[in-house]
Amino acid sequence: MVDLYVYYKVREHDAARLGPLVRAMQQRLARGDGVPVQLKRRPGAKDGLQTWMEVYPGVDEGFAQQLENAAQAAGLHAYIDGPRRAEVFTDLAPCA
């Protein structure tokens, strides 16, 4: 299991349209696959852009492709400025 973090830039004037699309996509993932979901954004904006982050803790390594397919189907890319960047993190093993 891994934690998946997906971040991207959103034009301020598109934020109100994108929010419901992301939340609906996440609700479908949570209901259908039992995936825990979080949606966050960096406070403030720079040059008219907000930074948003979707967080998916404890998912299978193959989940990233499933998420990208869901994002495409939900039409998220129409409201995102630039790419969606995904980062995978794992837990550190405890010291013996």
PDB file of N, CA and C in Angstrom:
ATOM      1  N   MET A   1       0.836  -1.186   0.000  1.00  0.00           N
ATOM      2  CA  MET A   1       0.000   0.000   0.000  1.00  0.00           C
ATOM      3  C   MET A   1       0.882   1.250   0.000  1.00  0.00           C
ATOM      4  N   VAL A   2       0.397   2.271  -0.696  1.00  0.00           N
ATOM      5  CA  VAL A   2       1.115   3.543  -0.803  1.00  0.00           C
ATOM      6  C   VAL A   2       0.133   4.682  -0.554  1.00  0.00           C
ATOM      7  N   ASP A   3       0.689   5.856  -0.346  1.00  0.00           N
ATOM      8  CA  ASP A   3      -0.117   7.074  -0.276  1.00  0.00           C
ATOM      9  C   ASP A   3       0.146   7.849  -1.561  1.00  0.00           C
ATOM     10  N   LEU A   4      -0.914   8.240  -2.247  1.00  0.00           N
ATOM     11  CA  LEU A   4      -0.811   8.951  -3.513  1.00  0.00           C
ATOM     12  C   LEU A   4      -1.238  10.401  -3.313  1.00  0.00           C
ATOM     13  N   TYR A   5      -0.379  11.312  -3.747  1.00  0.00           N
ATOM     14  CA  TYR A   5      -0.641  12.749  -3.681  1.00  0.00           C
ATOM     15  C   TYR A   5      -0.644  13.280  -5.112  1.00  0.00           C
ATOM     16  N   VAL A   6      -1.723  13.941  -5.498  1.00  0.00           N
ATOM     17  CA  VAL A   6      -1.845  14.490  -6.849  1.00  0.00           C
ATOM     18  C   VAL A   6      -2.087  15.990  -6.710  1.00  0.00           C
ATOM     19  N   TYR A   7      -1.212  16.785  -7.315  1.00  0.00           N
ATOM     20  CA  TYR A   7      -1.355  18.234  -7.201  1.00  0.00           C
ATOM     21  C   TYR A   7      -1.346  18.888  -8.580  1.00  0.00           C
ATOM     22  N   TYR A   8      -1.979  20.054  -8.644  1.00  0.00           N
ATOM     23  CA  TYR A   8      -2.128  20.756  -9.913  1.00  0.00           C
ATOM     24  C   TYR A   8      -2.536  22.190  -9.652  1.00  0.00           C
ATOM     25  N   LYS A   9      -2.442  22.995 -10.693  1.00  0.00           N
ATOM     26  CA  LYS A   9      -2.817  24.413 -10.635  1.00  0.00           C
ATOM     27  C   LYS A   9      -4.227  24.591 -11.206  1.00  0.00           C
ATOM     28  N   VAL A  10      -4.969  25.485 -10.561  1.00  0.00           N
ATOM     29  CA  VAL A  10      -6.343  25.779 -10.975  1.00  0.00           C
ATOM     30  C   VAL A  10      -6.483  27.293 -11.108  1.00  0.00           C
ATOM     31  N   ARG A  11      -6.976  27.734 -12.251  1.00  0.00           N
ATOM     32  CA  ARG A  11      -7.249  29.162 -12.422  1.00  0.00           C
ATOM     33  C   ARG A  11      -8.365  29.556 -11.444  1.00  0.00           C
ATOM     34  N   GLU A  12      -8.162  30.663 -10.758  1.00  0.00           N
ATOM     35  CA  GLU A  12      -9.130  31.087  -9.740  1.00  0.00           C
ATOM     36  C   GLU A  12     -10.556  31.137 -10.284  1.00  0.00           C
ATOM     37  N   HIS A  13     -10.719  31.603 -11.519  1.00  0.00           N
ATOM     38  CA  HIS A  13     -12.070  31.723 -12.072  1.00  0.00           C
ATOM     39  C   HIS A  13     -12.678  30.353 -12.421  1.00  0.00           C
ATOM     40  N   ASP A  14     -11.879  29.294 -12.419  1.00  0.00           N
ATOM     41  CA  ASP A  14     -12.395  27.944 -12.686  1.00  0.00           C
ATOM     42  C   ASP A  14     -12.613  27.117 -11.422  1.00  0.00           C
ATOM     43  N   ALA A  15     -12.182  27.620 -10.278  1.00  0.00           N
ATOM     44  CA  ALA A  15     -12.239  26.842  -9.037  1.00  0.00           C
ATOM     45  C   ALA A  15     -13.669  26.417  -8.681  1.00  0.00           C
ATOM     46  N   ALA A  16     -14.628  27.305  -8.840  1.00  0.00           N
ATOM     47  CA  ALA A  16     -16.011  26.975  -8.484  1.00  0.00           C
ATOM     48  C   ALA A  16     -16.596  25.889  -9.380  1.00  0.00           C
ATOM     49  N   ARG A  17     -16.115  25.790 -10.603  1.00  0.00           N
ATOM     50  CA  ARG A  17     -16.596  24.732 -11.508  1.00  0.00           C
ATOM     51  C   ARG A  17     -15.863  23.416 -11.274  1.00  0.00           C
ATOM     52  N   LEU A  18     -14.578  23.502 -10.965  1.00  0.00           N
ATOM     53  CA  LEU A  18     -13.786  22.287 -10.785  1.00  0.00           C
ATOM     54  C   LEU A  18     -14.108  21.573  -9.477  1.00  0.00           C
ATOM     55  N   GLY A  19     -14.327  22.307  -8.406  1.00  0.00           N
ATOM     56  CA  GLY A  19     -14.558  21.705  -7.096  1.00  0.00           C
ATOM     57  C   GLY A  19     -15.612  20.612  -7.097  1.00  0.00           C
ATOM     58  N   PRO A  20     -16.809  20.882  -7.595  1.00  0.00           N
ATOM     59  CA  PRO A  20     -17.835  19.838  -7.608  1.00  0.00           C
ATOM     60  C   PRO A  20     -17.469  18.625  -8.459  1.00  0.00           C
ATOM     61  N   LEU A  21     -16.713  18.840  -9.532  1.00  0.00           N
ATOM     62  CA  LEU A  21     -16.306  17.713 -10.371  1.00  0.00           C
ATOM     63  C   LEU A  21     -15.325  16.801  -9.635  1.00  0.00           C
ATOM     64  N   VAL A  22     -14.359  17.412  -8.947  1.00  0.00           N
ATOM     65  CA  VAL A  22     -13.389  16.618  -8.191  1.00  0.00           C
ATOM     66  C   VAL A  22     -14.087  15.878  -7.062  1.00  0.00           C
ATOM     67  N   ARG A  23     -14.937  16.572  -6.332  1.00  0.00           N
ATOM     68  CA  ARG A  23     -15.637  15.927  -5.199  1.00  0.00           C
ATOM     69  C   ARG A  23     -16.534  14.779  -5.673  1.00  0.00           C
ATOM     70  N   ALA A  24     -17.208  14.952  -6.785  1.00  0.00           N
ATOM     71  CA  ALA A  24     -18.055  13.878  -7.313  1.00  0.00           C
ATOM     72  C   ALA A  24     -17.204  12.677  -7.728  1.00  0.00           C
ATOM     73  N   MET A  25     -16.070  12.930  -8.382  1.00  0.00           N
ATOM     74  CA  MET A  25     -15.168  11.843  -8.764  1.00  0.00           C
ATOM     75  C   MET A  25     -14.669  11.115  -7.521  1.00  0.00           C
ATOM     76  N   GLN A  26     -14.270  11.874  -6.511  1.00  0.00           N
ATOM     77  CA  GLN A  26     -13.778  11.255  -5.287  1.00  0.00           C
ATOM     78  C   GLN A  26     -14.869  10.464  -4.575  1.00  0.00           C
ATOM     79  N   GLN A  27     -16.090  10.964  -4.579  1.00  0.00           N
ATOM     80  CA  GLN A  27     -17.196  10.218  -3.964  1.00  0.00           C
ATOM     81  C   GLN A  27     -17.424   8.896  -4.677  1.00  0.00           C
ATOM     82  N   ARG A  28     -17.329   8.897  -5.997  1.00  0.00           N
ATOM     83  CA  ARG A  28     -17.480   7.641  -6.749  1.00  0.00           C
ATOM     84  C   ARG A  28     -16.375   6.651  -6.383  1.00  0.00           C
ATOM     85  N   LEU A  29     -15.147   7.133  -6.271  1.00  0.00           N
ATOM     86  CA  LEU A  29     -14.034   6.268  -5.889  1.00  0.00           C
ATOM     87  C   LEU A  29     -14.206   5.737  -4.464  1.00  0.00           C
ATOM     88  N   ALA A  30     -14.656   6.583  -3.568  1.00  0.00           N
ATOM     89  CA  ALA A  30     -14.844   6.184  -2.175  1.00  0.00           C
ATOM     90  C   ALA A  30     -15.963   5.151  -2.055  1.00  0.00           C
ATOM     91  N   ARG A  31     -17.063   5.375  -2.749  1.00  0.00           N
ATOM     92  CA  ARG A  31     -18.195   4.433  -2.689  1.00  0.00           C
ATOM     93  C   ARG A  31     -17.876   3.129  -3.398  1.00  0.00           C
ATOM     94  N   GLY A  32     -17.345   3.227  -4.594  1.00  0.00           N
ATOM     95  CA  GLY A  32     -17.135   2.041  -5.410  1.00  0.00           C
ATOM     96  C   GLY A  32     -15.965   1.184  -4.982  1.00  0.00           C
ATOM     97  N   ASP A  33     -14.880   1.817  -4.574  1.00  0.00           N
ATOM     98  CA  ASP A  33     -13.658   1.085  -4.268  1.00  0.00           C
ATOM     99  C   ASP A  33     -13.230   1.195  -2.809  1.00  0.00           C
ATOM    100  N   GLY A  34     -13.974   1.949  -2.013  1.00  0.00           N
ATOM    101  CA  GLY A  34     -13.620   2.114  -0.613  1.00  0.00           C
ATOM    102  C   GLY A  34     -12.333   2.898  -0.399  1.00  0.00           C
ATOM    103  N   VAL A  35     -11.993   3.749  -1.348  1.00  0.00           N
ATOM    104  CA  VAL A  35     -10.754   4.522  -1.271  1.00  0.00           C
ATOM    105  C   VAL A  35     -10.971   5.731  -0.364  1.00  0.00           C
ATOM    106  N   PRO A  36     -10.092   5.939   0.621  1.00  0.00           N
ATOM    107  CA  PRO A  36     -10.188   7.168   1.418  1.00  0.00           C
ATOM    108  C   PRO A  36      -9.726   8.351   0.566  1.00  0.00           C
ATOM    109  N   VAL A  37     -10.411   9.474   0.661  1.00  0.00           N
ATOM    110  CA  VAL A  37     -10.108  10.623  -0.199  1.00  0.00           C
ATOM    111  C   VAL A  37      -9.998  11.900   0.630  1.00  0.00           C
ATOM    112  N   GLN A  38      -9.172  12.801   0.143  1.00  0.00           N
ATOM    113  CA  GLN A  38      -9.056  14.141   0.722  1.00  0.00           C
ATOM    114  C   GLN A  38      -8.842  15.122  -0.427  1.00  0.00           C
ATOM    115  N   LEU A  39      -9.359  16.321  -0.271  1.00  0.00           N
ATOM    116  CA  LEU A  39      -9.118  17.392  -1.243  1.00  0.00           C
ATOM    117  C   LEU A  39      -8.647  18.610  -0.464  1.00  0.00           C
ATOM    118  N   LYS A  40      -7.498  19.139  -0.864  1.00  0.00           N
ATOM    119  CA  LYS A  40      -6.898  20.265  -0.154  1.00  0.00           C
ATOM    120  C   LYS A  40      -6.469  21.319  -1.164  1.00  0.00           C
ATOM    121  N   ARG A  41      -6.205  22.524  -0.654  1.00  0.00           N
ATOM    122  CA  ARG A  41      -5.611  23.549  -1.502  1.00  0.00           C
ATOM    123  C   ARG A  41      -4.675  24.394  -0.668  1.00  0.00           C
ATOM    124  N   ARG A  42      -3.679  24.912  -1.336  1.00  0.00           N
ATOM    125  CA  ARG A  42      -2.728  25.805  -0.673  1.00  0.00           C
ATOM    126  C   ARG A  42      -3.451  27.128  -0.422  1.00  0.00           C
ATOM    127  N   PRO A  43      -3.251  27.725   0.755  1.00  0.00           N
ATOM    128  CA  PRO A  43      -3.890  29.027   1.017  1.00  0.00           C
ATOM    129  C   PRO A  43      -3.415  30.080   0.024  1.00  0.00           C
ATOM    130  N   GLY A  44      -4.325  30.935  -0.380  1.00  0.00           N
ATOM    131  CA  GLY A  44      -3.973  32.015  -1.294  1.00  0.00           C
ATOM    132  C   GLY A  44      -3.810  31.547  -2.725  1.00  0.00           C
ATOM    133  N   ALA A  45      -3.389  32.477  -3.554  1.00  0.00           N
ATOM    134  CA  ALA A  45      -3.177  32.198  -4.974  1.00  0.00           C
ATOM    135  C   ALA A  45      -1.976  33.003  -5.440  1.00  0.00           C
ATOM    136  N   LYS A  46      -1.380  32.561  -6.520  1.00  0.00           N
ATOM    137  CA  LYS A  46      -0.242  33.284  -7.104  1.00  0.00           C
ATOM    138  C   LYS A  46      -0.484  33.404  -8.598  1.00  0.00           C
ATOM    139  N   ASP A  47      -0.448  34.612  -9.088  1.00  0.00           N
ATOM    140  CA  ASP A  47      -0.670  34.880 -10.511  1.00  0.00           C
ATOM    141  C   ASP A  47      -2.010  34.328 -10.994  1.00  0.00           C
ATOM    142  N   GLY A  48      -3.030  34.405 -10.130  1.00  0.00           N
ATOM    143  CA  GLY A  48      -4.365  33.945 -10.504  1.00  0.00           C
ATOM    144  C   GLY A  48      -4.545  32.442 -10.473  1.00  0.00           C
ATOM    145  N   LEU A  49      -3.561  31.718  -9.900  1.00  0.00           N
ATOM    146  CA  LEU A  49      -3.629  30.258  -9.837  1.00  0.00           C
ATOM    147  C   LEU A  49      -3.621  29.766  -8.401  1.00  0.00           C
ATOM    148  N   GLN A  50      -4.485  28.815  -8.124  1.00  0.00           N
ATOM    149  CA  GLN A  50      -4.498  28.111  -6.847  1.00  0.00           C
ATOM    150  C   GLN A  50      -3.789  26.766  -7.039  1.00  0.00           C
ATOM    151  N   THR A  51      -3.216  26.241  -5.971  1.00  0.00           N
ATOM    152  CA  THR A  51      -2.641  24.902  -6.011  1.00  0.00           C
ATOM    153  C   THR A  51      -3.548  23.981  -5.209  1.00  0.00           C
ATOM    154  N   TRP A  52      -4.024  22.936  -5.876  1.00  0.00           N
ATOM    155  CA  TRP A  52      -4.901  21.950  -5.234  1.00  0.00           C
ATOM    156  C   TRP A  52      -4.159  20.629  -5.099  1.00  0.00           C
ATOM    157  N   MET A  53      -4.584  19.845  -4.101  1.00  0.00           N
ATOM    158  CA  MET A  53      -3.998  18.526  -3.910  1.00  0.00           C
ATOM    159  C   MET A  53      -5.083  17.529  -3.534  1.00  0.00           C
ATOM    160  N   GLU A  54      -5.077  16.418  -4.236  1.00  0.00           N
ATOM    161  CA  GLU A  54      -5.914  15.273  -3.888  1.00  0.00           C
ATOM    162  C   GLU A  54      -5.014  14.278  -3.158  1.00  0.00           C
ATOM    163  N   VAL A  55      -5.515  13.717  -2.065  1.00  0.00           N
ATOM    164  CA  VAL A  55      -4.740  12.769  -1.276  1.00  0.00           C
ATOM    165  C   VAL A  55      -5.522  11.460  -1.183  1.00  0.00           C
ATOM    166  N   TYR A  56      -4.812  10.366  -1.449  1.00  0.00           N
ATOM    167  CA  TYR A  56      -5.409   9.028  -1.419  1.00  0.00           C
ATOM    168  C   TYR A  56      -4.494   8.130  -0.591  1.00  0.00           C
ATOM    169  N   PRO A  57      -4.718   8.066   0.728  1.00  0.00           N
ATOM    170  CA  PRO A  57      -3.844   7.252   1.578  1.00  0.00           C
ATOM    171  C   PRO A  57      -4.205   5.769   1.519  1.00  0.00           C
ATOM    172  N   GLY A  58      -3.161   4.942   1.585  1.00  0.00           N
ATOM    173  CA  GLY A  58      -3.366   3.497   1.696  1.00  0.00           C
ATOM    174  C   GLY A  58      -3.989   2.848   0.476  1.00  0.00           C
ATOM    175  N   VAL A  59      -3.546   3.240  -0.728  1.00  0.00           N
ATOM    176  CA  VAL A  59      -4.094   2.654  -1.954  1.00  0.00           C
ATOM    177  C   VAL A  59      -3.089   1.682  -2.564  1.00  0.00           C
ATOM    178  N   ASP A  60      -3.566   0.826  -3.441  1.00  0.00           N
ATOM    179  CA  ASP A  60      -2.687  -0.085  -4.165  1.00  0.00           C
ATOM    180  C   ASP A  60      -1.840   0.717  -5.152  1.00  0.00           C
ATOM    181  N   GLU A  61      -0.691   0.182  -5.495  1.00  0.00           N
ATOM    182  CA  GLU A  61       0.215   0.890  -6.402  1.00  0.00           C
ATOM    183  C   GLU A  61      -0.404   1.135  -7.775  1.00  0.00           C
ATOM    184  N   GLY A  62      -1.308   0.303  -8.225  1.00  0.00           N
ATOM    185  CA  GLY A  62      -1.955   0.484  -9.513  1.00  0.00           C
ATOM    186  C   GLY A  62      -3.069   1.505  -9.514  1.00  0.00           C
ATOM    187  N   PHE A  63      -3.368   2.092  -8.364  1.00  0.00           N
ATOM    188  CA  PHE A  63      -4.473   3.036  -8.257  1.00  0.00           C
ATOM    189  C   PHE A  63      -4.245   4.304  -9.079  1.00  0.00           C
ATOM    190  N   ALA A  64      -3.002   4.706  -9.279  1.00  0.00           N
ATOM    191  CA  ALA A  64      -2.716   5.956 -10.000  1.00  0.00           C
ATOM    192  C   ALA A  64      -3.343   5.954 -11.395  1.00  0.00           C
ATOM    193  N   GLN A  65      -3.262   4.835 -12.089  1.00  0.00           N
ATOM    194  CA  GLN A  65      -3.844   4.770 -13.430  1.00  0.00           C
ATOM    195  C   GLN A  65      -5.364   4.801 -13.367  1.00  0.00           C
ATOM    196  N   GLN A  66      -5.941   4.119 -12.400  1.00  0.00           N
ATOM    197  CA  GLN A  66      -7.391   4.158 -12.203  1.00  0.00           C
ATOM    198  C   GLN A  66      -7.848   5.589 -11.925  1.00  0.00           C
ATOM    199  N   LEU A  67      -7.089   6.306 -11.114  1.00  0.00           N
ATOM    200  CA  LEU A  67      -7.419   7.691 -10.795  1.00  0.00           C
ATOM    201  C   LEU A  67      -7.321   8.571 -12.034  1.00  0.00           C
ATOM    202  N   GLU A  68      -6.300   8.389 -12.828  1.00  0.00           N
ATOM    203  CA  GLU A  68      -6.159   9.195 -14.040  1.00  0.00           C
ATOM    204  C   GLU A  68      -7.313   8.934 -15.002  1.00  0.00           C
ATOM    205  N   ASN A  69      -7.731   7.689 -15.125  1.00  0.00           N
ATOM    206  CA  ASN A  69      -8.895   7.362 -15.962  1.00  0.00           C
ATOM    207  C   ASN A  69     -10.145   8.051 -15.437  1.00  0.00           C
ATOM    208  N   ALA A  70     -10.315   8.056 -14.111  1.00  0.00           N
ATOM    209  CA  ALA A  70     -11.474   8.713 -13.500  1.00  0.00           C
ATOM    210  C   ALA A  70     -11.427  10.221 -13.725  1.00  0.00           C
ATOM    211  N   ALA A  71     -10.237  10.814 -13.633  1.00  0.00           N
ATOM    212  CA  ALA A  71     -10.089  12.259 -13.855  1.00  0.00           C
ATOM    213  C   ALA A  71     -10.435  12.628 -15.292  1.00  0.00           C
ATOM    214  N   GLN A  72      -9.990  11.806 -16.229  1.00  0.00           N
ATOM    215  CA  GLN A  72     -10.320  12.043 -17.642  1.00  0.00           C
ATOM    216  C   GLN A  72     -11.833  11.962 -17.849  1.00  0.00           C
ATOM    217  N   ALA A  73     -12.443  10.916 -17.306  1.00  0.00           N
ATOM    218  CA  ALA A  73     -13.892  10.715 -17.464  1.00  0.00           C
ATOM    219  C   ALA A  73     -14.690  11.849 -16.826  1.00  0.00           C
ATOM    220  N   ALA A  74     -14.177  12.413 -15.731  1.00  0.00           N
ATOM    221  CA  ALA A  74     -14.878  13.487 -15.024  1.00  0.00           C
ATOM    222  C   ALA A  74     -14.681  14.850 -15.681  1.00  0.00           C
ATOM    223  N   GLY A  75     -13.774  14.946 -16.655  1.00  0.00           N
ATOM    224  CA  GLY A  75     -13.546  16.214 -17.340  1.00  0.00           C
ATOM    225  C   GLY A  75     -12.729  17.220 -16.541  1.00  0.00           C
ATOM    226  N   LEU A  76     -11.910  16.745 -15.615  1.00  0.00           N
ATOM    227  CA  LEU A  76     -11.149  17.658 -14.764  1.00  0.00           C
ATOM    228  C   LEU A  76     -10.137  18.484 -15.542  1.00  0.00           C
ATOM    229  N   HIS A  77      -9.533  17.913 -16.554  1.00  0.00           N
ATOM    230  CA  HIS A  77      -8.436  18.576 -17.256  1.00  0.00           C
ATOM    231  C   HIS A  77      -8.869  19.878 -17.930  1.00  0.00           C
ATOM    232  N   ALA A  78     -10.136  20.040 -18.204  1.00  0.00           N
ATOM    233  CA  ALA A  78     -10.612  21.278 -18.822  1.00  0.00           C
ATOM    234  C   ALA A  78     -10.461  22.482 -17.895  1.00  0.00           C
ATOM    235  N   TYR A  79     -10.355  22.247 -16.593  1.00  0.00           N
ATOM    236  CA  TYR A  79     -10.288  23.331 -15.611  1.00  0.00           C
ATOM    237  C   TYR A  79      -8.945  23.400 -14.892  1.00  0.00           C
ATOM    238  N   ILE A  80      -7.978  22.624 -15.340  1.00  0.00           N
ATOM    239  CA  ILE A  80      -6.663  22.584 -14.709  1.00  0.00           C
ATOM    240  C   ILE A  80      -5.663  23.274 -15.626  1.00  0.00           C
ATOM    241  N   ASP A  81      -4.818  24.094 -15.045  1.00  0.00           N
ATOM    242  CA  ASP A  81      -3.795  24.809 -15.803  1.00  0.00           C
ATOM    243  C   ASP A  81      -2.492  24.015 -15.705  1.00  0.00           C
ATOM    244  N   GLY A  82      -2.174  23.276 -16.736  1.00  0.00           N
ATOM    245  CA  GLY A  82      -0.972  22.443 -16.721  1.00  0.00           C
ATOM    246  C   GLY A  82      -1.293  21.007 -16.337  1.00  0.00           C
ATOM    247  N   PRO A  83      -0.260  20.239 -16.030  1.00  0.00           N
ATOM    248  CA  PRO A  83      -0.467  18.807 -15.749  1.00  0.00           C
ATOM    249  C   PRO A  83      -0.916  18.528 -14.315  1.00  0.00           C
ATOM    250  N   ARG A  84      -1.497  17.356 -14.138  1.00  0.00           N
ATOM    251  CA  ARG A  84      -1.727  16.794 -12.804  1.00  0.00           C
ATOM    252  C   ARG A  84      -0.476  15.991 -12.485  1.00  0.00           C
ATOM    253  N   ARG A  85       0.164  16.332 -11.395  1.00  0.00           N
ATOM    254  CA  ARG A  85       1.406  15.641 -11.012  1.00  0.00           C
ATOM    255  C   ARG A  85       1.113  14.705  -9.852  1.00  0.00           C
ATOM    256  N   ALA A  86       1.574  13.478  -9.986  1.00  0.00           N
ATOM    257  CA  ALA A  86       1.338  12.466  -8.954  1.00  0.00           C
ATOM    258  C   ALA A  86       2.643  12.110  -8.269  1.00  0.00           C
ATOM    259  N   GLU A  87       2.593  12.003  -6.958  1.00  0.00           N
ATOM    260  CA  GLU A  87       3.734  11.579  -6.139  1.00  0.00           C
ATOM    261  C   GLU A  87       3.275  10.441  -5.255  1.00  0.00           C
ATOM    262  N   VAL A  88       4.126   9.427  -5.129  1.00  0.00           N
ATOM    263  CA  VAL A  88       3.825   8.264  -4.298  1.00  0.00           C
ATOM    264  C   VAL A  88       4.759   8.278  -3.096  1.00  0.00           C
ATOM    265  N   PHE A  89       4.205   8.063  -1.911  1.00  0.00           N
ATOM    266  CA  PHE A  89       4.988   7.967  -0.691  1.00  0.00           C
ATOM    267  C   PHE A  89       4.647   6.657   0.014  1.00  0.00           C
ATOM    268  N   THR A  90       5.635   6.121   0.708  1.00  0.00           N
ATOM    269  CA  THR A  90       5.435   4.916   1.506  1.00  0.00           C
ATOM    270  C   THR A  90       5.859   5.200   2.932  1.00  0.00           C
ATOM    271  N   ASP A  91       5.384   4.373   3.853  1.00  0.00           N
ATOM    272  CA  ASP A  91       5.765   4.514   5.250  1.00  0.00           C
ATOM    273  C   ASP A  91       7.217   4.090   5.428  1.00  0.00           C
ATOM    274  N   LEU A  92       7.885   4.733   6.352  1.00  0.00           N
ATOM    275  CA  LEU A  92       9.230   4.324   6.722  1.00  0.00           C
ATOM    276  C   LEU A  92       9.134   3.136   7.672  1.00  0.00           C
ATOM    277  N   ALA A  93      10.017   2.201   7.509  1.00  0.00           N
ATOM    278  CA  ALA A  93      10.054   1.060   8.425  1.00  0.00           C
ATOM    279  C   ALA A  93      10.535   1.542   9.786  1.00  0.00           C
ATOM    280  N   PRO A  94       9.919   1.052  10.868  1.00  0.00           N
ATOM    281  CA  PRO A  94      10.368   1.479  12.191  1.00  0.00           C
ATOM    282  C   PRO A  94      11.780   0.966  12.471  1.00  0.00           C
ATOM    283  N   CYS A  95      12.514   1.698  13.272  1.00  0.00           N
ATOM    284  CA  CYS A  95      13.857   1.282  13.662  1.00  0.00           C
ATOM    285  C   CYS A  95      13.760   0.109  14.630  1.00  0.00           C
ATOM    286  N   ALA A  96      14.708  -0.791  14.543  1.00  0.00           N
ATOM    287  CA  ALA A  96      14.702  -1.959  15.428  1.00  0.00           C
ATOM    288  C   ALA A  96      15.268  -1.628  16.780  1.00  0.00           C
TER     289      ALA A  96
END
